[in-house]
Amino acid sequence: MTTYALIHGGGGSAFDWHLVEAELRARGHDPVAVDLPTSDPGAGLWDYADTVVRAVAGRGPLVVVAHSWGGFVAPLVCARVPAAALVLVTAMIPAPDEPPGDWWERSGRPPSDIDDEHELYFHDVPRDLARQVLDHDGALAAHMNMDRACAEPWPLPAWPDVPTRYLLCRDDRLFTPDFVRRHVKERLGLTPDEMPGGHMAMLSRPAELAAYLAGILPAAP
C-alpha cells in the first residue's frame, strides 16, 4: 500500500481529488488529499508544505502528487519528509528564488485567448460535476488570500533529490502541450509522460489518472 499526498492547485481544494481518492482506495492505496491554508494571509510556502507534512505523518511509502499551482508546494514537502517519488500533474515548476507570482512571465507561458472559466479549466469535465466543484471551491475562494505565498521567493536552492515524474495532459488549454514540453525540459531536464485530458484531469479522467499514479512505484512482491 502506497500513501499518496494529493496537493490541489491555486483556487482549488482537496475536493478536486475526491474521484481519484476513491479510485486509489479501490486499488488498495492510501490517498490523502490536503486543503492548503489559502485563507490564511500569513501563510507562506513552508506553511503550505508543513500542512501536507502533518497530514501524512507516519505514513508511507509516500508519493507526493501536485496539480497546477501545487507544484510550488510539493518539492518543499519532499524536502521535509522522505518521499519515494514526486509527481507533477500539469503543474507549474518553480525555480530557486522565483516568487510564484512571477512564474507566469518568467516561464514564458503564452497567454490564453480563452476567457470562459469552464472552457479553460473544465471543458472535458461533465457539466454537473464541474458546477459542483466550482460551487465548492468558489465558496472557499471568497476567503482566499495567497498574497504572501505568491510573493515570497521559492526557498529551495535546487530541486530535491527525489525521483520526479511530470504528467502532461494533452487537452489542457491552460498549460498547452508545446509549452509544457519546453517548460519541463528547461526546468527539470525531463521528458514528460502524457495522457489525454484537460487541466482538471482528476475530474475528467480519474480512473486513468489513478492508474497512472498507482504505477509510479513497483508493486510489492
C-alpha atoms as a PDB file:
ATOM      1  CA  MET A   1       0.000   0.000   0.000  1.00  0.00           C
ATOM      2  CA  THR A   2       1.294   3.418  -1.003  1.00  0.00           C
ATOM      3  CA  THR A   3       0.338   6.742   0.553  1.00  0.00           C
ATOM      4  CA  TYR A   4      -0.402   9.497  -1.958  1.00  0.00           C
ATOM      5  CA  ALA A   5      -0.270  13.102  -0.778  1.00  0.00           C
ATOM      6  CA  LEU A   6      -2.585  14.884  -3.222  1.00  0.00           C
ATOM      7  CA  ILE A   7      -1.970  18.639  -3.451  1.00  0.00           C
ATOM      8  CA  HIS A   8      -4.504  20.848  -5.193  1.00  0.00           C
ATOM      9  CA  GLY A   9      -3.861  23.883  -7.369  1.00  0.00           C
ATOM     10  CA  GLY A  10      -4.462  27.561  -6.741  1.00  0.00           C
ATOM     11  CA  GLY A  11      -8.134  28.324  -6.328  1.00  0.00           C
ATOM     12  CA  GLY A  12      -8.840  24.644  -5.717  1.00  0.00           C
ATOM     13  CA  SER A  13      -9.296  22.389  -2.726  1.00  0.00           C
ATOM     14  CA  ALA A  14      -8.851  18.814  -1.584  1.00  0.00           C
ATOM     15  CA  PHE A  15     -12.322  18.139  -3.022  1.00  0.00           C
ATOM     16  CA  ASP A  16     -10.825  18.372  -6.524  1.00  0.00           C
ATOM     17  CA  TRP A  17      -9.195  14.992  -5.857  1.00  0.00           C
ATOM     18  CA  HIS A  18     -12.226  13.110  -4.474  1.00  0.00           C
ATOM     19  CA  LEU A  19     -12.730  10.866  -7.535  1.00  0.00           C
ATOM     20  CA  VAL A  20      -9.039   9.950  -7.714  1.00  0.00           C
ATOM     21  CA  GLU A  21      -9.052   9.250  -3.965  1.00  0.00           C
ATOM     22  CA  ALA A  22     -11.865   6.740  -4.469  1.00  0.00           C
ATOM     23  CA  GLU A  23     -10.041   5.110  -7.374  1.00  0.00           C
ATOM     24  CA  LEU A  24      -6.811   4.776  -5.410  1.00  0.00           C
ATOM     25  CA  ARG A  25      -8.604   3.333  -2.384  1.00  0.00           C
ATOM     26  CA  ALA A  26     -10.239   0.771  -4.652  1.00  0.00           C
ATOM     27  CA  ARG A  27      -6.729  -0.241  -5.688  1.00  0.00           C
ATOM     28  CA  GLY A  28      -5.700  -0.735  -2.042  1.00  0.00           C
ATOM     29  CA  HIS A  29      -3.795   2.521  -1.564  1.00  0.00           C
ATOM     30  CA  ASP A  30      -3.950   5.324   0.998  1.00  0.00           C
ATOM     31  CA  PRO A  31      -4.696   8.699  -0.662  1.00  0.00           C
ATOM     32  CA  VAL A  32      -4.584  11.865   1.445  1.00  0.00           C
ATOM     33  CA  ALA A  33      -5.946  14.982  -0.262  1.00  0.00           C
ATOM     34  CA  VAL A  34      -4.937  18.095   1.661  1.00  0.00           C
ATOM     35  CA  ASP A  35      -6.538  21.527   1.895  1.00  0.00           C
ATOM     36  CA  LEU A  36      -3.774  24.130   1.709  1.00  0.00           C
ATOM     37  CA  PRO A  37      -4.099  27.161   4.060  1.00  0.00           C
ATOM     38  CA  THR A  38      -5.121  29.507   1.264  1.00  0.00           C
ATOM     39  CA  SER A  39      -7.402  31.557   3.521  1.00  0.00           C
ATOM     40  CA  ASP A  40      -4.554  32.491   5.879  1.00  0.00           C
ATOM     41  CA  PRO A  41      -2.856  35.696   4.663  1.00  0.00           C
ATOM     42  CA  GLY A  42       0.099  34.988   6.935  1.00  0.00           C
ATOM     43  CA  ALA A  43       0.794  31.541   5.489  1.00  0.00           C
ATOM     44  CA  GLY A  44       3.959  31.252   3.428  1.00  0.00           C
ATOM     45  CA  LEU A  45       5.216  28.479   1.203  1.00  0.00           C
ATOM     46  CA  TRP A  46       6.749  26.498   4.056  1.00  0.00           C
ATOM     47  CA  ASP A  47       3.440  26.733   5.932  1.00  0.00           C
ATOM     48  CA  TYR A  48       1.700  25.236   2.909  1.00  0.00           C
ATOM     49  CA  ALA A  49       4.239  22.409   2.790  1.00  0.00           C
ATOM     50  CA  ASP A  50       4.006  21.744   6.514  1.00  0.00           C
ATOM     51  CA  THR A  51       0.220  21.391   6.223  1.00  0.00           C
ATOM     52  CA  VAL A  52       0.836  18.471   3.865  1.00  0.00           C
ATOM     53  CA  VAL A  53       3.609  17.045   6.047  1.00  0.00           C
ATOM     54  CA  ARG A  54       1.308  16.945   9.077  1.00  0.00           C
ATOM     55  CA  ALA A  55      -1.434  15.242   7.081  1.00  0.00           C
ATOM     56  CA  VAL A  56       0.800  12.331   6.022  1.00  0.00           C
ATOM     57  CA  ALA A  57       2.841  11.993   9.207  1.00  0.00           C
ATOM     58  CA  GLY A  58       3.729   8.392   9.985  1.00  0.00           C
ATOM     59  CA  ARG A  59       2.512   7.038   6.643  1.00  0.00           C
ATOM     60  CA  GLY A  60       4.430   5.571   3.771  1.00  0.00           C
ATOM     61  CA  PRO A  61       5.865   4.742   1.363  1.00  0.00           C
ATOM     62  CA  LEU A  62       4.962   8.228   0.185  1.00  0.00           C
ATOM     63  CA  VAL A  63       4.306   9.597  -3.292  1.00  0.00           C
ATOM     64  CA  VAL A  64       3.781  13.356  -3.381  1.00  0.00           C
ATOM     65  CA  VAL A  65       1.434  14.482  -6.172  1.00  0.00           C
ATOM     66  CA  ALA A  66       0.871  18.108  -7.156  1.00  0.00           C
ATOM     67  CA  HIS A  67      -1.583  19.709  -9.536  1.00  0.00           C
ATOM     68  CA  SER A  68      -1.054  23.114 -11.180  1.00  0.00           C
ATOM     69  CA  TRP A  69      -0.016  25.715  -8.529  1.00  0.00           C
ATOM     70  CA  GLY A  70       0.641  22.840  -6.140  1.00  0.00           C
ATOM     71  CA  GLY A  71       3.928  22.414  -7.997  1.00  0.00           C
ATOM     72  CA  PHE A  72       5.345  25.147  -5.772  1.00  0.00           C
ATOM     73  CA  VAL A  73       4.484  23.134  -2.657  1.00  0.00           C
ATOM     74  CA  ALA A  74       5.274  19.508  -3.491  1.00  0.00           C
ATOM     75  CA  PRO A  75       9.088  19.841  -3.686  1.00  0.00           C
ATOM     76  CA  LEU A  76       9.059  21.576  -0.300  1.00  0.00           C
ATOM     77  CA  VAL A  77       7.172  18.626   1.148  1.00  0.00           C
ATOM     78  CA  CYS A  78       9.873  16.346  -0.252  1.00  0.00           C
ATOM     79  CA  ALA A  79      12.493  18.490   1.466  1.00  0.00           C
ATOM     80  CA  ARG A  80      10.723  17.931   4.809  1.00  0.00           C
ATOM     81  CA  VAL A  81       9.921  14.204   4.700  1.00  0.00           C
ATOM     82  CA  PRO A  82      11.280  11.186   2.809  1.00  0.00           C
ATOM     83  CA  ALA A  83       9.334  10.576  -0.386  1.00  0.00           C
ATOM     84  CA  ALA A  84       9.655   7.681  -2.790  1.00  0.00           C
ATOM     85  CA  ALA A  85       8.539   9.822  -5.730  1.00  0.00           C
ATOM     86  CA  LEU A  86       7.272  13.257  -6.726  1.00  0.00           C
ATOM     87  CA  VAL A  87       4.651  13.546  -9.474  1.00  0.00           C
ATOM     88  CA  LEU A  88       3.674  16.823 -11.108  1.00  0.00           C
ATOM     89  CA  VAL A  89       0.293  16.708 -12.871  1.00  0.00           C
ATOM     90  CA  THR A  90       0.065  19.549 -15.406  1.00  0.00           C
ATOM     91  CA  ALA A  91       1.832  21.611 -12.774  1.00  0.00           C
ATOM     92  CA  MET A  92       3.867  24.788 -12.550  1.00  0.00           C
ATOM     93  CA  ILE A  93       7.590  24.150 -11.994  1.00  0.00           C
ATOM     94  CA  PRO A  94       9.331  26.585  -9.647  1.00  0.00           C
ATOM     95  CA  ALA A  95      12.864  27.895  -9.919  1.00  0.00           C
ATOM     96  CA  PRO A  96      15.056  28.917  -6.955  1.00  0.00           C
ATOM     97  CA  ASP A  97      14.301  32.439  -5.691  1.00  0.00           C
ATOM     98  CA  GLU A  98      11.396  32.847  -8.135  1.00  0.00           C
ATOM     99  CA  PRO A  99       8.188  34.074  -6.485  1.00  0.00           C
ATOM    100  CA  PRO A 100       5.175  32.079  -7.671  1.00  0.00           C
ATOM    101  CA  GLY A 101       3.551  35.312  -8.772  1.00  0.00           C
ATOM    102  CA  ASP A 102       6.408  35.869 -11.231  1.00  0.00           C
ATOM    103  CA  TRP A 103       6.214  32.388 -12.742  1.00  0.00           C
ATOM    104  CA  TRP A 104       3.730  33.359 -15.448  1.00  0.00           C
ATOM    105  CA  GLU A 105       6.117  35.830 -17.074  1.00  0.00           C
ATOM    106  CA  ARG A 106       9.416  34.082 -16.320  1.00  0.00           C
ATOM    107  CA  SER A 107       8.269  30.685 -17.550  1.00  0.00           C
ATOM    108  CA  GLY A 108       7.317  32.090 -20.931  1.00  0.00           C
ATOM    109  CA  ARG A 109       3.845  30.579 -20.716  1.00  0.00           C
ATOM    110  CA  PRO A 110       1.897  32.050 -23.652  1.00  0.00           C
ATOM    111  CA  PRO A 111      -1.293  33.923 -22.740  1.00  0.00           C
ATOM    112  CA  SER A 112      -4.585  32.200 -23.421  1.00  0.00           C
ATOM    113  CA  ASP A 113      -7.315  33.751 -25.532  1.00  0.00           C
ATOM    114  CA  ILE A 114      -9.993  31.722 -23.696  1.00  0.00           C
ATOM    115  CA  ASP A 115     -11.904  33.884 -21.221  1.00  0.00           C
ATOM    116  CA  ASP A 116     -14.607  31.437 -20.163  1.00  0.00           C
ATOM    117  CA  GLU A 117     -13.642  29.623 -16.944  1.00  0.00           C
ATOM    118  CA  HIS A 118     -15.446  26.428 -17.876  1.00  0.00           C
ATOM    119  CA  GLU A 119     -13.875  26.268 -21.336  1.00  0.00           C
ATOM    120  CA  LEU A 120     -10.391  26.937 -19.980  1.00  0.00           C
ATOM    121  CA  TYR A 121     -10.377  24.575 -16.989  1.00  0.00           C
ATOM    122  CA  PHE A 122     -13.373  22.231 -17.184  1.00  0.00           C
ATOM    123  CA  HIS A 123     -14.165  21.778 -20.881  1.00  0.00           C
ATOM    124  CA  ASP A 124     -13.908  17.973 -20.691  1.00  0.00           C
ATOM    125  CA  VAL A 125     -15.465  17.592 -17.219  1.00  0.00           C
ATOM    126  CA  PRO A 126     -19.156  16.613 -17.048  1.00  0.00           C
ATOM    127  CA  ARG A 127     -21.120  19.827 -16.616  1.00  0.00           C
ATOM    128  CA  ASP A 128     -22.868  18.827 -13.376  1.00  0.00           C
ATOM    129  CA  LEU A 129     -19.592  17.746 -11.788  1.00  0.00           C
ATOM    130  CA  ALA A 130     -17.848  20.910 -12.924  1.00  0.00           C
ATOM    131  CA  ARG A 131     -20.585  23.019 -11.360  1.00  0.00           C
ATOM    132  CA  GLN A 132     -20.369  21.063  -8.111  1.00  0.00           C
ATOM    133  CA  VAL A 133     -16.625  21.630  -7.913  1.00  0.00           C
ATOM    134  CA  LEU A 134     -16.859  25.281  -8.928  1.00  0.00           C
ATOM    135  CA  ASP A 135     -19.514  25.913  -6.280  1.00  0.00           C
ATOM    136  CA  HIS A 136     -17.461  24.165  -3.601  1.00  0.00           C
ATOM    137  CA  ASP A 137     -14.130  25.768  -4.473  1.00  0.00           C
ATOM    138  CA  GLY A 138     -15.729  29.144  -5.176  1.00  0.00           C
ATOM    139  CA  ALA A 139     -17.103  29.309  -1.642  1.00  0.00           C
ATOM    140  CA  LEU A 140     -13.580  28.780  -0.322  1.00  0.00           C
ATOM    141  CA  ALA A 141     -12.076  31.219  -2.812  1.00  0.00           C
ATOM    142  CA  ALA A 142     -14.209  34.001  -1.350  1.00  0.00           C
ATOM    143  CA  HIS A 143     -11.936  33.843   1.708  1.00  0.00           C
ATOM    144  CA  MET A 144      -8.689  33.199  -0.171  1.00  0.00           C
ATOM    145  CA  ASN A 145      -5.601  35.292   0.477  1.00  0.00           C
ATOM    146  CA  MET A 146      -2.424  33.830  -1.005  1.00  0.00           C
ATOM    147  CA  ASP A 147      -0.537  37.123  -1.188  1.00  0.00           C
ATOM    148  CA  ARG A 148       2.408  36.048   0.947  1.00  0.00           C
ATOM    149  CA  ALA A 149       2.713  32.607  -0.629  1.00  0.00           C
ATOM    150  CA  CYS A 150       2.674  34.093  -4.131  1.00  0.00           C
ATOM    151  CA  ALA A 151       5.074  36.933  -3.354  1.00  0.00           C
ATOM    152  CA  GLU A 152       7.875  35.252  -1.438  1.00  0.00           C
ATOM    153  CA  PRO A 153      10.826  33.710  -3.327  1.00  0.00           C
ATOM    154  CA  TRP A 154      10.681  29.958  -3.755  1.00  0.00           C
ATOM    155  CA  PRO A 155      13.029  28.850  -0.958  1.00  0.00           C
ATOM    156  CA  LEU A 156      14.914  25.767  -2.151  1.00  0.00           C
ATOM    157  CA  PRO A 157      18.358  26.251  -3.740  1.00  0.00           C
ATOM    158  CA  ALA A 158      17.756  23.283  -6.064  1.00  0.00           C
ATOM    159  CA  TRP A 159      15.233  20.577  -6.854  1.00  0.00           C
ATOM    160  CA  PRO A 160      15.044  17.958  -4.080  1.00  0.00           C
ATOM    161  CA  ASP A 161      16.822  14.657  -4.586  1.00  0.00           C
ATOM    162  CA  VAL A 162      13.722  12.569  -5.242  1.00  0.00           C
ATOM    163  CA  PRO A 163      12.642  10.670  -8.375  1.00  0.00           C
ATOM    164  CA  THR A 164      10.396  13.056 -10.284  1.00  0.00           C
ATOM    165  CA  ARG A 165       7.805  12.472 -12.986  1.00  0.00           C
ATOM    166  CA  TYR A 166       5.757  15.013 -14.917  1.00  0.00           C
ATOM    167  CA  LEU A 167       2.377  14.138 -16.405  1.00  0.00           C
ATOM    168  CA  LEU A 168       1.308  16.298 -19.337  1.00  0.00           C
ATOM    169  CA  CYS A 169      -2.407  16.402 -20.191  1.00  0.00           C
ATOM    170  CA  ARG A 170      -2.682  16.712 -23.953  1.00  0.00           C
ATOM    171  CA  ASP A 171      -6.025  18.556 -23.964  1.00  0.00           C
ATOM    172  CA  ASP A 172      -5.004  21.142 -21.352  1.00  0.00           C
ATOM    173  CA  ARG A 173      -5.960  24.628 -22.513  1.00  0.00           C
ATOM    174  CA  LEU A 174      -4.288  26.453 -19.622  1.00  0.00           C
ATOM    175  CA  PHE A 175      -0.855  24.836 -19.958  1.00  0.00           C
ATOM    176  CA  THR A 176      -0.715  23.725 -23.562  1.00  0.00           C
ATOM    177  CA  PRO A 177       1.356  20.692 -24.607  1.00  0.00           C
ATOM    178  CA  ASP A 178       4.015  22.581 -26.587  1.00  0.00           C
ATOM    179  CA  PHE A 179       4.609  24.957 -23.691  1.00  0.00           C
ATOM    180  CA  VAL A 180       4.684  22.150 -21.114  1.00  0.00           C
ATOM    181  CA  ARG A 181       7.189  20.041 -23.040  1.00  0.00           C
ATOM    182  CA  ARG A 182       9.542  23.030 -23.262  1.00  0.00           C
ATOM    183  CA  HIS A 183       8.967  24.090 -19.642  1.00  0.00           C
ATOM    184  CA  VAL A 184       9.643  20.596 -18.282  1.00  0.00           C
ATOM    185  CA  LYS A 185      12.791  20.235 -20.377  1.00  0.00           C
ATOM    186  CA  GLU A 186      14.125  23.649 -19.379  1.00  0.00           C
ATOM    187  CA  ARG A 187      13.459  23.375 -15.670  1.00  0.00           C
ATOM    188  CA  LEU A 188      13.806  19.670 -14.910  1.00  0.00           C
ATOM    189  CA  GLY A 189      15.647  18.229 -17.901  1.00  0.00           C
ATOM    190  CA  LEU A 190      12.873  15.642 -18.290  1.00  0.00           C
ATOM    191  CA  THR A 191      10.559  14.413 -20.989  1.00  0.00           C
ATOM    192  CA  PRO A 192       7.024  14.374 -19.571  1.00  0.00           C
ATOM    193  CA  ASP A 193       4.690  11.405 -19.585  1.00  0.00           C
ATOM    194  CA  GLU A 194       1.450  12.137 -21.421  1.00  0.00           C
ATOM    195  CA  MET A 195      -2.224  11.252 -21.195  1.00  0.00           C
ATOM    196  CA  PRO A 196      -5.438  12.654 -22.677  1.00  0.00           C
ATOM    197  CA  GLY A 197      -7.405  15.152 -20.620  1.00  0.00           C
ATOM    198  CA  GLY A 198      -7.712  18.822 -19.800  1.00  0.00           C
ATOM    199  CA  HIS A 199      -6.358  20.824 -16.903  1.00  0.00           C
ATOM    200  CA  MET A 200      -8.701  19.138 -14.410  1.00  0.00           C
ATOM    201  CA  ALA A 201      -7.906  15.578 -15.470  1.00  0.00           C
ATOM    202  CA  MET A 202      -8.512  14.361 -11.921  1.00  0.00           C
ATOM    203  CA  LEU A 203     -12.189  15.099 -12.590  1.00  0.00           C
ATOM    204  CA  SER A 204     -12.482  14.231 -16.275  1.00  0.00           C
ATOM    205  CA  ARG A 205     -10.310  11.076 -16.224  1.00  0.00           C
ATOM    206  CA  PRO A 206      -9.988   9.951 -12.588  1.00  0.00           C
ATOM    207  CA  ALA A 207      -9.612   6.238 -13.311  1.00  0.00           C
ATOM    208  CA  GLU A 208      -6.894   6.822 -15.900  1.00  0.00           C
ATOM    209  CA  LEU A 209      -5.041   9.229 -13.630  1.00  0.00           C
ATOM    210  CA  ALA A 210      -5.313   6.877 -10.653  1.00  0.00           C
ATOM    211  CA  ALA A 211      -3.968   4.005 -12.755  1.00  0.00           C
ATOM    212  CA  TYR A 212      -1.006   6.149 -13.736  1.00  0.00           C
ATOM    213  CA  LEU A 213      -0.317   7.101 -10.121  1.00  0.00           C
ATOM    214  CA  ALA A 214      -0.708   3.520  -8.929  1.00  0.00           C
ATOM    215  CA  GLY A 215       2.039   2.518 -11.342  1.00  0.00           C
ATOM    216  CA  ILE A 216       4.597   5.042 -10.091  1.00  0.00           C
ATOM    217  CA  LEU A 217       6.118   2.637  -7.548  1.00  0.00           C
ATOM    218  CA  PRO A 218       6.786  -1.035  -8.295  1.00  0.00           C
ATOM    219  CA  ALA A 219       4.298  -3.408  -6.692  1.00  0.00           C
ATOM    220  CA  ALA A 220       5.431  -5.128  -3.516  1.00  0.00           C
ATOM    221  CA  PRO A 221       6.479  -8.753  -4.057  1.00  0.00           C
END
